[in-house]
Amino acid sequence: MKLLRYGPKGQEKPGLLDADGKIRDLSGVVRDIAGEVLTDAGLAKLRGADPKSLPLVAGNPRIGPCVGNVGKLVCIGLNYADHAAESNLPVPAEPVVFNKWTSAIIGPNDDVEIPRGSKKTDWEVELGVVIGKPCKYVDEARALDYVAGYCVVNDVSEREWQTERGGQWDKGKGFDTFGPIGPWLVTRDEVADPQQLDLWLEVDGHRYQNGNTRTMVFGVAKLVSYLSQCMSLQPGDVISTGTPPGVGMGVKPNPVFLKPGQTMRLGIQGLGEQQQRTYAAE
């Protein structure tokens, strides 16, 4: 299934993308694509609904974040060896973990705000992993059983705040609008192998990122298991698994960063596309 949320910000309704690419309203079946709805039992209930019997959503509504009420947005840094190289940092021996604040989460096509005074706002296309049931001390062999599905994430980053202002990376990662998620959550049964997905990103039509999840340093199963050793994961938590090379910071000889009025377009094989316009914070 391809699950989504549509409608005005803060008033999103649950939806399903049918075989014809049309949105069907799930409001009569569930309240939101969140929490217990993402468990095996919750997803089984949704699979029991005949898409043709669900109301067809007219027009072209705004698409919201594909998961509602996200409890944690946990991110992994330097998880592609070639991205670590372009960042002039060693390939990590263990996953590099940081957080994006949930206030950063926006819809896949919402505008992205360039923070006041920022000169180093950057892009990062990433595979998002949505947790489907409580997960703690899970071994790697069983880790994918705890995944509800996958989605596209743009880990927008302010590099000065991330690396030049002291402290942790979180400061440069969690600005408002820095976490576009969606357009939809593709349930795990439709993703044969999360380690065989092409991902890409363009700015103003120029392709900067081209990668495949097979080159991750730590795969999805390893990341879910690893994180479950140091925190409990709950249904609706999202893990953003790192980016392939091609970020603006890594452009040689002169890095390239985002300016107001630009358009980012990005996507992952089978998981859909995002498009965001940048604007200057007031």
Protein backbone atom coordinates (compact mmCIF):
# COMPACT_ATOMS: atom_id res chain seq x y z
CA MET A 1 0.00 0.00 0.00
CA LYS A 2 0.92 3.62 -0.52
CA LEU A 3 -0.43 5.60 2.42
CA LEU A 4 -0.51 9.39 2.62
CA ARG A 5 -1.98 12.37 4.38
CA TYR A 6 -3.60 15.23 2.50
CA GLY A 7 -5.18 18.59 3.21
CA PRO A 8 -4.21 21.89 4.87
CA LYS A 9 -1.38 21.98 7.39
CA GLY A 10 -2.56 20.68 10.73
CA GLN A 11 -5.80 19.35 9.23
CA GLU A 12 -4.48 16.46 7.17
CA LYS A 13 -6.72 13.49 6.47
CA PRO A 14 -5.57 9.90 5.92
CA GLY A 15 -5.50 8.63 2.38
CA LEU A 16 -4.47 5.78 0.13
CA LEU A 17 -3.04 5.97 -3.36
CA ASP A 18 -4.98 3.54 -5.56
CA ALA A 19 -3.72 1.53 -8.53
CA ASP A 20 -4.60 4.41 -10.87
CA GLY A 21 -2.57 6.93 -8.87
CA LYS A 22 -5.67 8.58 -7.42
CA ILE A 23 -6.16 9.48 -3.77
CA ARG A 24 -8.82 7.63 -1.81
CA ASP A 25 -10.08 8.98 1.52
CA LEU A 26 -9.43 6.70 4.53
CA SER A 27 -11.19 8.93 7.06
CA GLY A 28 -14.01 6.42 7.43
CA VAL A 29 -11.55 3.67 8.30
CA VAL A 30 -8.89 5.35 10.47
CA ARG A 31 -8.38 8.76 12.05
CA ASP A 32 -4.79 9.26 10.83
CA ILE A 33 -1.73 7.50 9.41
CA ALA A 34 -0.03 7.42 12.79
CA GLY A 35 0.71 5.35 15.89
CA GLU A 36 -1.25 2.10 16.18
CA VAL A 37 -2.43 2.35 12.58
CA LEU A 38 1.16 1.52 11.56
CA THR A 39 1.30 -1.75 13.50
CA ASP A 40 0.82 -5.06 11.71
CA ALA A 41 -2.78 -5.19 12.94
CA GLY A 42 -3.44 -1.61 11.90
CA LEU A 43 -2.04 -2.13 8.42
CA ALA A 44 -4.01 -5.38 8.06
CA LYS A 45 -7.19 -3.39 8.73
CA LEU A 46 -6.29 -0.97 5.96
CA ARG A 47 -5.54 -3.83 3.56
CA GLY A 48 -9.03 -5.11 4.23
CA ALA A 49 -10.56 -1.95 2.80
CA ASP A 50 -11.42 -2.14 -0.91
CA PRO A 51 -9.86 0.96 -2.50
CA LYS A 52 -12.72 1.19 -5.00
CA SER A 53 -15.19 1.50 -2.12
CA LEU A 54 -13.34 4.46 -0.59
CA PRO A 55 -14.34 8.04 -1.51
CA LEU A 56 -12.31 9.50 -4.35
CA VAL A 57 -10.54 12.74 -3.39
CA ALA A 58 -11.26 15.43 -5.96
CA GLY A 59 -8.83 18.01 -7.26
CA ASN A 60 -5.17 18.28 -6.42
CA PRO A 61 -4.90 18.68 -2.63
CA ARG A 62 -1.76 19.52 -0.71
CA ILE A 63 0.11 16.39 0.38
CA GLY A 64 1.22 16.46 4.01
CA PRO A 65 3.91 14.47 5.81
CA CYS A 66 3.09 10.79 5.24
CA VAL A 67 3.22 10.04 8.99
CA GLY A 68 1.30 11.98 11.60
CA ASN A 69 2.34 12.69 15.19
CA VAL A 70 5.92 11.54 14.67
CA GLY A 71 7.43 10.88 18.08
CA LYS A 72 11.09 10.84 17.02
CA LEU A 73 12.91 11.72 13.81
CA VAL A 74 16.26 9.97 14.28
CA CYS A 75 18.95 10.53 11.66
CA ILE A 76 22.14 8.76 10.66
CA GLY A 77 25.20 10.70 9.47
CA LEU A 78 28.00 9.71 7.10
CA ASN A 79 26.27 6.45 6.19
CA TYR A 80 27.61 6.33 2.62
CA ALA A 81 31.39 5.95 2.38
CA ASP A 82 31.67 8.31 -0.60
CA HIS A 83 29.66 10.99 1.23
CA ALA A 84 32.01 10.69 4.21
CA ALA A 85 34.90 11.22 1.79
CA GLU A 86 33.38 14.36 0.27
CA SER A 87 32.83 15.64 3.82
CA ASN A 88 36.52 15.02 4.61
CA LEU A 89 35.52 12.71 7.46
CA PRO A 90 36.38 9.06 8.13
CA VAL A 91 33.90 6.26 7.49
CA PRO A 92 32.35 5.68 10.93
CA ALA A 93 32.96 2.45 12.83
CA GLU A 94 29.49 2.73 14.37
CA PRO A 95 26.41 4.65 13.20
CA VAL A 96 26.57 8.42 13.75
CA VAL A 97 23.25 9.32 15.37
CA PHE A 98 21.60 12.75 15.63
CA ASN A 99 18.07 14.12 15.81
CA LYS A 100 15.87 16.42 13.81
CA TRP A 101 13.22 18.15 15.89
CA THR A 102 9.69 17.17 14.95
CA SER A 103 8.93 20.88 14.39
CA ALA A 104 11.12 20.56 11.27
CA ILE A 105 8.68 18.11 9.63
CA ILE A 106 6.71 19.38 6.63
CA GLY A 107 4.99 17.91 3.60
CA PRO A 108 7.00 16.71 0.61
CA ASN A 109 6.14 19.71 -1.57
CA ASP A 110 5.97 22.44 1.07
CA ASP A 111 8.33 25.41 0.85
CA VAL A 112 11.69 25.20 2.68
CA GLU A 113 12.81 28.22 4.70
CA ILE A 114 16.40 29.46 4.43
CA PRO A 115 17.22 30.58 8.01
CA ARG A 116 18.08 34.19 8.79
CA GLY A 117 21.68 34.93 7.87
CA SER A 118 22.29 31.44 6.47
CA LYS A 119 24.88 31.07 3.73
CA LYS A 120 25.29 27.29 3.92
CA THR A 121 21.88 25.64 3.67
CA ASP A 122 22.29 22.27 1.95
CA TRP A 123 20.27 19.31 0.67
CA GLU A 124 20.35 15.55 1.38
CA VAL A 125 18.06 12.95 -0.20
CA GLU A 126 17.60 10.02 2.19
CA LEU A 127 15.64 6.81 2.65
CA GLY A 128 13.22 7.13 5.54
CA VAL A 129 12.26 4.08 7.62
CA VAL A 130 8.96 4.18 9.51
CA ILE A 131 8.71 2.01 12.61
CA GLY A 132 5.60 -0.17 12.91
CA LYS A 133 5.72 -1.66 16.40
CA PRO A 134 7.50 -1.12 19.72
CA CYS A 135 11.14 -1.98 19.23
CA LYS A 136 13.74 -2.45 21.96
CA TYR A 137 16.84 -4.70 22.05
CA VAL A 138 15.96 -6.21 18.68
CA ASP A 139 18.52 -8.34 16.89
CA GLU A 140 19.46 -7.56 13.30
CA ALA A 141 17.93 -10.76 11.91
CA ARG A 142 14.45 -9.66 13.07
CA ALA A 143 14.81 -5.90 12.68
CA LEU A 144 12.91 -5.48 9.41
CA ASP A 145 9.85 -7.11 11.02
CA TYR A 146 9.55 -3.88 13.05
CA VAL A 147 9.37 -1.66 9.96
CA ALA A 148 5.96 -0.45 8.76
CA GLY A 149 7.30 1.02 5.55
CA TYR A 150 9.58 3.45 3.77
CA CYS A 151 9.47 7.01 2.48
CA VAL A 152 11.53 9.83 0.99
CA VAL A 153 13.18 12.33 3.37
CA ASN A 154 15.06 15.51 2.51
CA ASP A 155 17.51 16.05 5.39
CA VAL A 156 17.94 19.78 4.80
CA SER A 157 21.00 21.01 6.71
CA GLU A 158 22.57 24.34 7.67
CA ARG A 159 26.29 23.51 7.54
CA GLU A 160 27.61 26.49 9.51
CA TRP A 161 25.30 25.71 12.43
CA GLN A 162 26.06 22.01 12.01
CA THR A 163 29.86 22.14 12.04
CA GLU A 164 31.14 25.61 12.92
CA ARG A 165 29.04 26.72 15.89
CA GLY A 166 30.17 24.19 18.50
CA GLY A 167 28.17 21.40 20.10
CA GLN A 168 26.22 18.74 18.25
CA TRP A 169 25.00 18.46 14.66
CA ASP A 170 21.39 18.78 15.82
CA LYS A 171 21.55 22.59 15.74
CA GLY A 172 22.14 22.67 11.99
CA LYS A 173 19.65 19.92 11.23
CA GLY A 174 16.52 20.95 13.05
CA PHE A 175 15.49 24.35 11.68
CA ASP A 176 11.81 24.75 10.83
CA THR A 177 10.92 23.13 7.45
CA PHE A 178 14.18 21.11 7.36
CA GLY A 179 12.36 17.75 7.34
CA PRO A 180 10.16 17.17 4.27
CA ILE A 181 8.71 13.63 4.50
CA GLY A 182 6.68 11.78 1.86
CA PRO A 183 4.81 11.92 -0.49
CA TRP A 184 3.66 8.55 0.75
CA LEU A 185 4.57 5.72 3.08
CA VAL A 186 5.12 2.57 1.04
CA THR A 187 4.47 -0.48 3.23
CA ARG A 188 7.36 -2.89 3.60
CA ASP A 189 5.65 -5.68 1.64
CA GLU A 190 6.00 -3.52 -1.50
CA VAL A 191 9.74 -2.93 -1.04
CA ALA A 192 11.51 -6.18 -1.93
CA ASP A 193 14.92 -4.99 -0.72
CA PRO A 194 15.51 -1.61 0.95
CA GLN A 195 19.21 -1.98 0.07
CA GLN A 196 18.57 -1.85 -3.68
CA LEU A 197 16.89 1.52 -4.19
CA ASP A 198 18.09 4.32 -6.47
CA LEU A 199 17.88 7.82 -4.99
CA TRP A 200 18.56 11.21 -6.56
CA LEU A 201 18.24 14.97 -6.08
CA GLU A 202 18.25 18.00 -8.38
CA VAL A 203 18.43 21.74 -7.72
CA ASP A 204 16.98 23.94 -10.48
CA GLY A 205 17.15 20.99 -12.85
CA HIS A 206 20.81 20.16 -12.18
CA ARG A 207 21.34 16.61 -10.94
CA TYR A 208 23.64 16.73 -7.90
CA GLN A 209 22.91 13.40 -6.20
CA ASN A 210 22.70 9.95 -7.81
CA GLY A 211 23.07 6.97 -5.52
CA ASN A 212 21.78 3.60 -4.43
CA THR A 213 21.06 2.33 -0.94
CA ARG A 214 23.28 -0.70 -1.61
CA THR A 215 26.29 1.50 -0.79
CA MET A 216 25.15 2.28 2.75
CA VAL A 217 27.80 1.63 5.40
CA PHE A 218 25.11 0.33 7.77
CA GLY A 219 21.97 -1.14 6.22
CA VAL A 220 18.40 -0.64 7.40
CA ALA A 221 18.31 -3.82 9.52
CA LYS A 222 21.56 -2.90 11.24
CA LEU A 223 20.34 0.64 11.95
CA VAL A 224 17.00 -0.45 13.43
CA SER A 225 18.76 -3.03 15.62
CA TYR A 226 21.49 -0.58 16.67
CA LEU A 227 19.10 2.21 17.60
CA SER A 228 16.92 -0.22 19.56
CA GLN A 229 19.89 -0.86 21.86
CA CYS A 230 20.06 2.77 22.99
CA MET A 231 16.43 3.88 22.80
CA SER A 232 13.00 2.35 22.40
CA LEU A 233 11.42 2.93 19.01
CA GLN A 234 7.67 3.35 18.73
CA PRO A 235 5.13 3.09 15.90
CA GLY A 236 5.40 6.23 13.82
CA ASP A 237 9.01 7.01 14.68
CA VAL A 238 11.05 7.77 11.56
CA ILE A 239 14.70 6.94 10.89
CA SER A 240 16.45 8.93 8.16
CA THR A 241 19.28 6.69 7.00
CA GLY A 242 21.92 8.99 5.51
CA THR A 243 22.67 10.48 2.12
CA PRO A 244 24.79 9.49 -0.88
CA PRO A 245 27.44 11.87 -2.27
CA GLY A 246 26.55 15.03 -4.14
CA VAL A 247 25.60 17.44 -1.38
CA GLY A 248 26.35 21.10 -1.94
CA MET A 249 29.06 21.13 0.72
CA GLY A 250 30.99 18.56 -1.29
CA VAL A 251 31.03 20.35 -4.65
CA LYS A 252 34.63 20.97 -5.76
CA PRO A 253 36.37 23.34 -5.97
CA ASN A 254 33.66 25.66 -4.62
CA PRO A 255 30.76 24.39 -2.49
CA VAL A 256 27.24 25.26 -3.66
CA PHE A 257 24.49 26.15 -1.20
CA LEU A 258 20.81 26.94 -1.48
CA LYS A 259 19.46 30.44 -2.05
CA PRO A 260 15.88 31.73 -1.83
CA GLY A 261 13.85 31.10 -4.95
CA GLN A 262 15.39 27.77 -5.93
CA THR A 263 13.63 24.46 -6.52
CA MET A 264 14.74 21.11 -5.13
CA ARG A 265 13.38 17.93 -6.71
CA LEU A 266 14.24 14.53 -5.30
CA GLY A 267 13.03 10.97 -5.24
CA ILE A 268 13.64 7.31 -4.45
CA GLN A 269 12.82 4.35 -6.68
CA GLY A 270 9.28 3.19 -5.95
CA LEU A 271 8.76 5.70 -3.13
CA GLY A 272 7.76 8.80 -5.07
CA GLU A 273 9.15 12.30 -5.52
CA GLN A 274 9.30 15.56 -3.60
CA GLN A 275 9.63 19.14 -4.82
CA GLN A 276 10.31 22.16 -2.62
CA ARG A 277 10.76 25.85 -3.32
CA THR A 278 13.13 27.76 -1.03
CA TYR A 279 12.33 31.13 0.54
CA ALA A 280 14.07 33.51 2.94
CA ALA A 281 13.06 33.61 6.58
CA GLU A 282 11.57 36.93 7.60
